[in-house]
Amino acid sequence: MDGTLVDTEPYWIDTEYAMAEKYGGTWSQEHAMNLVGNALLDSGDYIRVHMGIDRTPQQIVDELLDGVVARVEDDVPWRPGARELLSDLHDHDVPCALVTMSWQRFVAPILAQLPSGTFASVVTGDRVELGKPHPEPYLTAAAELGLPPDRCLAIEDSNTGAKSAVAAGCTVLCVPHHVPILEGERRVFADTLAGLGAADLGGLLRDT
């Protein structure tokens, strides 16, 4: 979701810098980019160590979510072509799952702006034991769609997410945004989702 369907990374980064200022910690763009695609509690622990603040990972995540949810409720920054692609997939009866390491309370206001039934499965970071890059999130989504992972195409914007999807057995359409994604097996690349439809994604799955 983050960086693929919506460009919320700037919201997270702004909130991280605000937290560093509030608690007298230090932060950098490099540290912020290291968190892209990671499980939230893992990010909370990283922030605790590298920001140097006396907060637990859970406290850090809760405060991050407070800040980012407030921003999303005010404005959802959709990525180019994201809503159009979702609409076309729905029109062609292609079952879709949302697989994100964000937690449900952050996902909810974004889903509220999409038509009911856009996603047949929603796998959030607080639903799984092991987050990306572990395959559990994508294995969970495929199972809930009733499909083997090798018949699923994942769309990812981070190397962490791509690792998770490939490890689960999915083909991955990589659309890099804030961070680079490495070349690798079962990975195909595009510059944008704009102009892509259900037929395009089906072709990518057949060709890999």
C-alpha atoms as a PDB file:
ATOM      1  CA  MET A   1       0.000   0.000   0.000  1.00  0.00           C
ATOM      2  CA  ASP A   2       2.521   2.645   1.157  1.00  0.00           C
ATOM      3  CA  GLY A   3       4.451   3.770  -1.892  1.00  0.00           C
ATOM      4  CA  THR A   4       2.461   1.555  -4.263  1.00  0.00           C
ATOM      5  CA  LEU A   5      -1.174   2.623  -3.982  1.00  0.00           C
ATOM      6  CA  VAL A   6      -0.608   5.735  -1.902  1.00  0.00           C
ATOM      7  CA  ASP A   7       2.449   7.936  -1.430  1.00  0.00           C
ATOM      8  CA  THR A   8       2.313   8.162   2.341  1.00  0.00           C
ATOM      9  CA  GLU A   9       6.047   7.800   2.969  1.00  0.00           C
ATOM     10  CA  PRO A  10       6.416  11.613   3.307  1.00  0.00           C
ATOM     11  CA  TYR A  11       3.759  11.497   6.053  1.00  0.00           C
ATOM     12  CA  TRP A  12       5.716   8.841   7.951  1.00  0.00           C
ATOM     13  CA  ILE A  13       9.000  10.716   7.515  1.00  0.00           C
ATOM     14  CA  ASP A  14       7.530  14.037   8.685  1.00  0.00           C
ATOM     15  CA  THR A  15       6.145  12.281  11.768  1.00  0.00           C
ATOM     16  CA  GLU A  16       9.514  10.638  12.459  1.00  0.00           C
ATOM     17  CA  TYR A  17      11.309  13.991  12.351  1.00  0.00           C
ATOM     18  CA  ALA A  18       8.651  15.520  14.618  1.00  0.00           C
ATOM     19  CA  MET A  19       9.194  12.706  17.108  1.00  0.00           C
ATOM     20  CA  ALA A  20      12.965  13.237  17.054  1.00  0.00           C
ATOM     21  CA  GLU A  21      12.462  16.931  17.789  1.00  0.00           C
ATOM     22  CA  LYS A  22       9.928  16.218  20.535  1.00  0.00           C
ATOM     23  CA  TYR A  23      12.146  13.762  22.410  1.00  0.00           C
ATOM     24  CA  GLY A  24      15.550  15.267  21.665  1.00  0.00           C
ATOM     25  CA  GLY A  25      16.643  12.534  19.254  1.00  0.00           C
ATOM     26  CA  THR A  26      18.487  12.639  15.950  1.00  0.00           C
ATOM     27  CA  TRP A  27      17.195  11.446  12.581  1.00  0.00           C
ATOM     28  CA  SER A  28      18.163  11.450   8.905  1.00  0.00           C
ATOM     29  CA  GLN A  29      16.714  10.766   5.461  1.00  0.00           C
ATOM     30  CA  GLU A  30      18.942   7.690   5.240  1.00  0.00           C
ATOM     31  CA  HIS A  31      17.431   6.243   8.406  1.00  0.00           C
ATOM     32  CA  ALA A  32      13.935   7.026   7.131  1.00  0.00           C
ATOM     33  CA  MET A  33      14.585   5.193   3.848  1.00  0.00           C
ATOM     34  CA  ASN A  34      15.885   2.158   5.754  1.00  0.00           C
ATOM     35  CA  LEU A  35      12.387   1.706   7.202  1.00  0.00           C
ATOM     36  CA  VAL A  36      10.500   1.556   3.896  1.00  0.00           C
ATOM     37  CA  GLY A  37       8.522  -1.688   3.657  1.00  0.00           C
ATOM     38  CA  ASN A  38       9.447  -2.970   7.115  1.00  0.00           C
ATOM     39  CA  ALA A  39       7.130  -4.308   9.811  1.00  0.00           C
ATOM     40  CA  LEU A  40       6.076  -1.469  12.114  1.00  0.00           C
ATOM     41  CA  LEU A  41       7.406  -2.904  15.373  1.00  0.00           C
ATOM     42  CA  ASP A  42      10.742  -3.598  13.672  1.00  0.00           C
ATOM     43  CA  SER A  43      10.716   0.032  12.544  1.00  0.00           C
ATOM     44  CA  GLY A  44       9.840   1.113  16.083  1.00  0.00           C
ATOM     45  CA  ASP A  45      12.861  -0.729  17.440  1.00  0.00           C
ATOM     46  CA  TYR A  46      15.089   0.771  14.728  1.00  0.00           C
ATOM     47  CA  ILE A  47      13.837   4.252  15.607  1.00  0.00           C
ATOM     48  CA  ARG A  48      14.409   3.651  19.322  1.00  0.00           C
ATOM     49  CA  VAL A  49      18.038   2.701  18.689  1.00  0.00           C
ATOM     50  CA  HIS A  50      19.009   5.102  15.923  1.00  0.00           C
ATOM     51  CA  MET A  51      16.947   8.100  17.014  1.00  0.00           C
ATOM     52  CA  GLY A  52      18.200   7.541  20.540  1.00  0.00           C
ATOM     53  CA  ILE A  53      14.931   8.196  22.384  1.00  0.00           C
ATOM     54  CA  ASP A  54      13.619   6.664  25.593  1.00  0.00           C
ATOM     55  CA  ARG A  55      10.459   5.139  24.136  1.00  0.00           C
ATOM     56  CA  THR A  56       9.480   1.503  23.597  1.00  0.00           C
ATOM     57  CA  PRO A  57       8.908   0.201  20.051  1.00  0.00           C
ATOM     58  CA  GLN A  58       5.168  -0.039  20.805  1.00  0.00           C
ATOM     59  CA  GLN A  59       5.032   3.548  22.078  1.00  0.00           C
ATOM     60  CA  ILE A  60       6.905   4.727  19.000  1.00  0.00           C
ATOM     61  CA  VAL A  61       4.555   2.896  16.633  1.00  0.00           C
ATOM     62  CA  ASP A  62       1.461   4.204  18.425  1.00  0.00           C
ATOM     63  CA  GLU A  63       2.722   7.793  18.162  1.00  0.00           C
ATOM     64  CA  LEU A  64       3.720   7.363  14.524  1.00  0.00           C
ATOM     65  CA  LEU A  65       0.267   6.026  13.716  1.00  0.00           C
ATOM     66  CA  ASP A  66      -1.426   8.898  15.520  1.00  0.00           C
ATOM     67  CA  GLY A  67       0.452  11.370  13.344  1.00  0.00           C
ATOM     68  CA  VAL A  68       0.101   9.575  10.029  1.00  0.00           C
ATOM     69  CA  VAL A  69      -3.555   8.601  10.447  1.00  0.00           C
ATOM     70  CA  ALA A  70      -4.408  12.259  11.083  1.00  0.00           C
ATOM     71  CA  ARG A  71      -2.699  13.201   7.813  1.00  0.00           C
ATOM     72  CA  VAL A  72      -4.413  10.436   5.807  1.00  0.00           C
ATOM     73  CA  GLU A  73      -7.839  11.354   7.174  1.00  0.00           C
ATOM     74  CA  ASP A  74      -7.238  14.841   5.796  1.00  0.00           C
ATOM     75  CA  ASP A  75      -5.821  13.798   2.412  1.00  0.00           C
ATOM     76  CA  VAL A  76      -5.012  10.448   0.744  1.00  0.00           C
ATOM     77  CA  PRO A  77      -2.128  10.931  -1.729  1.00  0.00           C
ATOM     78  CA  TRP A  78      -2.939   8.304  -4.389  1.00  0.00           C
ATOM     79  CA  ARG A  79      -0.164   7.083  -6.670  1.00  0.00           C
ATOM     80  CA  PRO A  80      -0.673   7.601 -10.434  1.00  0.00           C
ATOM     81  CA  GLY A  81      -2.886   4.908 -11.938  1.00  0.00           C
ATOM     82  CA  ALA A  82      -3.547   3.100  -8.647  1.00  0.00           C
ATOM     83  CA  ARG A  83      -7.296   3.630  -8.336  1.00  0.00           C
ATOM     84  CA  GLU A  84      -7.816   3.151 -12.065  1.00  0.00           C
ATOM     85  CA  LEU A  85      -5.986  -0.189 -11.978  1.00  0.00           C
ATOM     86  CA  LEU A  86      -7.972  -1.383  -8.977  1.00  0.00           C
ATOM     87  CA  SER A  87     -11.196  -0.423 -10.719  1.00  0.00           C
ATOM     88  CA  ASP A  88     -10.234  -2.308 -13.886  1.00  0.00           C
ATOM     89  CA  LEU A  89      -9.266  -5.409 -11.913  1.00  0.00           C
ATOM     90  CA  HIS A  90     -12.619  -5.299 -10.124  1.00  0.00           C
ATOM     91  CA  ASP A  91     -14.485  -4.875 -13.423  1.00  0.00           C
ATOM     92  CA  HIS A  92     -12.732  -7.989 -14.759  1.00  0.00           C
ATOM     93  CA  ASP A  93     -13.518 -10.030 -11.615  1.00  0.00           C
ATOM     94  CA  VAL A  94      -9.858 -10.375 -10.661  1.00  0.00           C
ATOM     95  CA  PRO A  95      -9.680 -11.079  -6.904  1.00  0.00           C
ATOM     96  CA  CYS A  96      -7.313  -8.703  -5.110  1.00  0.00           C
ATOM     97  CA  ALA A  97      -5.657  -8.675  -1.706  1.00  0.00           C
ATOM     98  CA  LEU A  98      -4.071  -5.762   0.100  1.00  0.00           C
ATOM     99  CA  VAL A  99      -0.805  -6.818   1.762  1.00  0.00           C
ATOM    100  CA  THR A 100       0.715  -4.081   3.904  1.00  0.00           C
ATOM    101  CA  MET A 101       2.872  -3.832   6.991  1.00  0.00           C
ATOM    102  CA  SER A 102       0.818  -0.843   8.117  1.00  0.00           C
ATOM    103  CA  TRP A 103      -1.720  -1.595  10.820  1.00  0.00           C
ATOM    104  CA  GLN A 104      -5.476  -1.744  10.464  1.00  0.00           C
ATOM    105  CA  ARG A 105      -6.216   1.655  11.977  1.00  0.00           C
ATOM    106  CA  PHE A 106      -4.018   3.290   9.346  1.00  0.00           C
ATOM    107  CA  VAL A 107      -5.449   1.196   6.512  1.00  0.00           C
ATOM    108  CA  ALA A 108      -9.097   1.854   7.402  1.00  0.00           C
ATOM    109  CA  PRO A 109      -9.361   5.513   6.267  1.00  0.00           C
ATOM    110  CA  ILE A 110      -7.708   4.627   2.946  1.00  0.00           C
ATOM    111  CA  LEU A 111     -10.026   1.678   2.306  1.00  0.00           C
ATOM    112  CA  ALA A 112     -12.973   3.931   3.132  1.00  0.00           C
ATOM    113  CA  GLN A 113     -12.226   5.920  -0.029  1.00  0.00           C
ATOM    114  CA  LEU A 114     -12.380   2.846  -2.284  1.00  0.00           C
ATOM    115  CA  PRO A 115     -15.526   1.011  -3.436  1.00  0.00           C
ATOM    116  CA  SER A 116     -16.733  -1.798  -1.198  1.00  0.00           C
ATOM    117  CA  GLY A 117     -15.319  -5.128  -2.309  1.00  0.00           C
ATOM    118  CA  THR A 118     -12.152  -3.698  -3.866  1.00  0.00           C
ATOM    119  CA  PHE A 119     -10.129  -6.180  -1.809  1.00  0.00           C
ATOM    120  CA  ALA A 120     -11.251  -9.732  -1.075  1.00  0.00           C
ATOM    121  CA  SER A 121      -8.514  -9.990   1.579  1.00  0.00           C
ATOM    122  CA  VAL A 122      -6.730  -7.382   3.678  1.00  0.00           C
ATOM    123  CA  VAL A 123      -3.542  -8.533   5.397  1.00  0.00           C
ATOM    124  CA  THR A 124      -2.105  -5.886   7.708  1.00  0.00           C
ATOM    125  CA  GLY A 125       1.049  -5.910   9.798  1.00  0.00           C
ATOM    126  CA  ASP A 126      -0.887  -6.459  13.008  1.00  0.00           C
ATOM    127  CA  ARG A 127      -2.509  -9.602  11.556  1.00  0.00           C
ATOM    128  CA  VAL A 128       0.686 -11.582  10.965  1.00  0.00           C
ATOM    129  CA  GLU A 129       3.343 -12.923  13.290  1.00  0.00           C
ATOM    130  CA  LEU A 130       6.211 -12.331  10.878  1.00  0.00           C
ATOM    131  CA  GLY A 131       6.256  -9.262   8.636  1.00  0.00           C
ATOM    132  CA  LYS A 132       7.992  -8.575   5.350  1.00  0.00           C
ATOM    133  CA  PRO A 133      10.548  -9.703   4.145  1.00  0.00           C
ATOM    134  CA  HIS A 134       9.186 -12.993   5.575  1.00  0.00           C
ATOM    135  CA  PRO A 135       6.724 -14.691   3.169  1.00  0.00           C
ATOM    136  CA  GLU A 136       3.925 -15.008   5.763  1.00  0.00           C
ATOM    137  CA  PRO A 137       2.010 -11.870   4.648  1.00  0.00           C
ATOM    138  CA  TYR A 138       1.774 -13.003   1.021  1.00  0.00           C
ATOM    139  CA  LEU A 139       1.155 -16.637   1.921  1.00  0.00           C
ATOM    140  CA  THR A 140      -1.739 -15.459   4.092  1.00  0.00           C
ATOM    141  CA  ALA A 141      -3.195 -13.326   1.300  1.00  0.00           C
ATOM    142  CA  ALA A 142      -2.938 -16.073  -1.315  1.00  0.00           C
ATOM    143  CA  ALA A 143      -4.622 -18.550   1.024  1.00  0.00           C
ATOM    144  CA  GLU A 144      -7.465 -16.114   1.687  1.00  0.00           C
ATOM    145  CA  LEU A 145      -7.920 -15.599  -2.054  1.00  0.00           C
ATOM    146  CA  GLY A 146      -8.021 -19.381  -2.472  1.00  0.00           C
ATOM    147  CA  LEU A 147      -5.119 -19.318  -4.923  1.00  0.00           C
ATOM    148  CA  PRO A 148      -1.639 -20.853  -4.999  1.00  0.00           C
ATOM    149  CA  PRO A 149       1.012 -18.116  -4.692  1.00  0.00           C
ATOM    150  CA  ASP A 150       2.464 -18.955  -8.110  1.00  0.00           C
ATOM    151  CA  ARG A 151      -0.836 -17.809  -9.655  1.00  0.00           C
ATOM    152  CA  CYS A 152      -0.611 -14.441  -7.885  1.00  0.00           C
ATOM    153  CA  LEU A 153       1.051 -11.237  -9.033  1.00  0.00           C
ATOM    154  CA  ALA A 154       2.283  -8.952  -6.265  1.00  0.00           C
ATOM    155  CA  ILE A 155       2.897  -5.247  -6.844  1.00  0.00           C
ATOM    156  CA  GLU A 156       5.680  -3.790  -4.696  1.00  0.00           C
ATOM    157  CA  ASP A 157       7.662  -0.580  -4.335  1.00  0.00           C
ATOM    158  CA  SER A 158      10.429  -1.815  -2.002  1.00  0.00           C
ATOM    159  CA  ASN A 159      13.067  -4.517  -1.976  1.00  0.00           C
ATOM    160  CA  THR A 160      11.758  -5.709   1.397  1.00  0.00           C
ATOM    161  CA  GLY A 161       8.291  -6.240  -0.039  1.00  0.00           C
ATOM    162  CA  ALA A 162       9.619  -7.871  -3.203  1.00  0.00           C
ATOM    163  CA  LYS A 163      11.619 -10.345  -1.094  1.00  0.00           C
ATOM    164  CA  SER A 164       8.479 -11.271   0.833  1.00  0.00           C
ATOM    165  CA  ALA A 165       6.421 -11.870  -2.296  1.00  0.00           C
ATOM    166  CA  VAL A 166       9.106 -13.871  -4.111  1.00  0.00           C
ATOM    167  CA  ALA A 167       9.738 -15.991  -1.016  1.00  0.00           C
ATOM    168  CA  ALA A 168       6.023 -16.811  -0.946  1.00  0.00           C
ATOM    169  CA  GLY A 169       6.173 -17.929  -4.590  1.00  0.00           C
ATOM    170  CA  CYS A 170       4.556 -14.899  -6.245  1.00  0.00           C
ATOM    171  CA  THR A 171       5.675 -13.058  -9.345  1.00  0.00           C
ATOM    172  CA  VAL A 172       6.358  -9.410  -8.487  1.00  0.00           C
ATOM    173  CA  LEU A 173       5.687  -6.295 -10.525  1.00  0.00           C
ATOM    174  CA  CYS A 174       8.245  -3.879  -9.079  1.00  0.00           C
ATOM    175  CA  VAL A 175       7.408  -0.182  -9.317  1.00  0.00           C
ATOM    176  CA  PRO A 176      10.259   1.560  -7.449  1.00  0.00           C
ATOM    177  CA  HIS A 177       9.444   4.894  -5.888  1.00  0.00           C
ATOM    178  CA  HIS A 178      11.356   6.051  -2.813  1.00  0.00           C
ATOM    179  CA  VAL A 179      13.905   3.223  -2.679  1.00  0.00           C
ATOM    180  CA  PRO A 180      15.583   1.023  -5.320  1.00  0.00           C
ATOM    181  CA  ILE A 181      14.570  -2.602  -5.927  1.00  0.00           C
ATOM    182  CA  LEU A 182      17.171  -5.156  -6.940  1.00  0.00           C
ATOM    183  CA  GLU A 183      16.841  -7.267 -10.066  1.00  0.00           C
ATOM    184  CA  GLY A 184      16.040 -10.909  -9.385  1.00  0.00           C
ATOM    185  CA  GLU A 185      14.048 -14.028 -10.146  1.00  0.00           C
ATOM    186  CA  ARG A 186      10.302 -13.572 -10.655  1.00  0.00           C
ATOM    187  CA  ARG A 187      10.664  -9.787 -10.692  1.00  0.00           C
ATOM    188  CA  VAL A 188       9.499  -7.573 -13.552  1.00  0.00           C
ATOM    189  CA  PHE A 189       9.742  -3.790 -13.547  1.00  0.00           C
ATOM    190  CA  ALA A 190       7.573  -0.833 -14.524  1.00  0.00           C
ATOM    191  CA  ASP A 191       7.999   2.900 -14.021  1.00  0.00           C
ATOM    192  CA  THR A 192       4.361   3.506 -13.079  1.00  0.00           C
ATOM    193  CA  LEU A 193       0.946   1.895 -12.677  1.00  0.00           C
ATOM    194  CA  ALA A 194      -0.582   4.549 -14.925  1.00  0.00           C
ATOM    195  CA  GLY A 195      -2.037   2.980 -18.058  1.00  0.00           C
ATOM    196  CA  LEU A 196      -1.891  -0.590 -16.751  1.00  0.00           C
ATOM    197  CA  GLY A 197      -4.995  -2.776 -16.657  1.00  0.00           C
ATOM    198  CA  ALA A 198      -6.073  -6.305 -15.843  1.00  0.00           C
ATOM    199  CA  ALA A 199      -4.922  -7.629 -19.233  1.00  0.00           C
ATOM    200  CA  ASP A 200      -1.440  -6.198 -18.728  1.00  0.00           C
ATOM    201  CA  LEU A 201      -1.042  -7.831 -15.335  1.00  0.00           C
ATOM    202  CA  GLY A 202      -2.328 -11.139 -16.651  1.00  0.00           C
ATOM    203  CA  GLY A 203       0.263 -11.007 -19.406  1.00  0.00           C
ATOM    204  CA  LEU A 204       3.049 -10.422 -16.903  1.00  0.00           C
ATOM    205  CA  LEU A 205       1.974 -13.450 -14.902  1.00  0.00           C
ATOM    206  CA  ARG A 206       1.837 -15.671 -17.975  1.00  0.00           C
ATOM    207  CA  ASP A 207       5.250 -14.529 -19.191  1.00  0.00           C
ATOM    208  CA  THR A 208       7.161 -15.384 -15.992  1.00  0.00           C
END
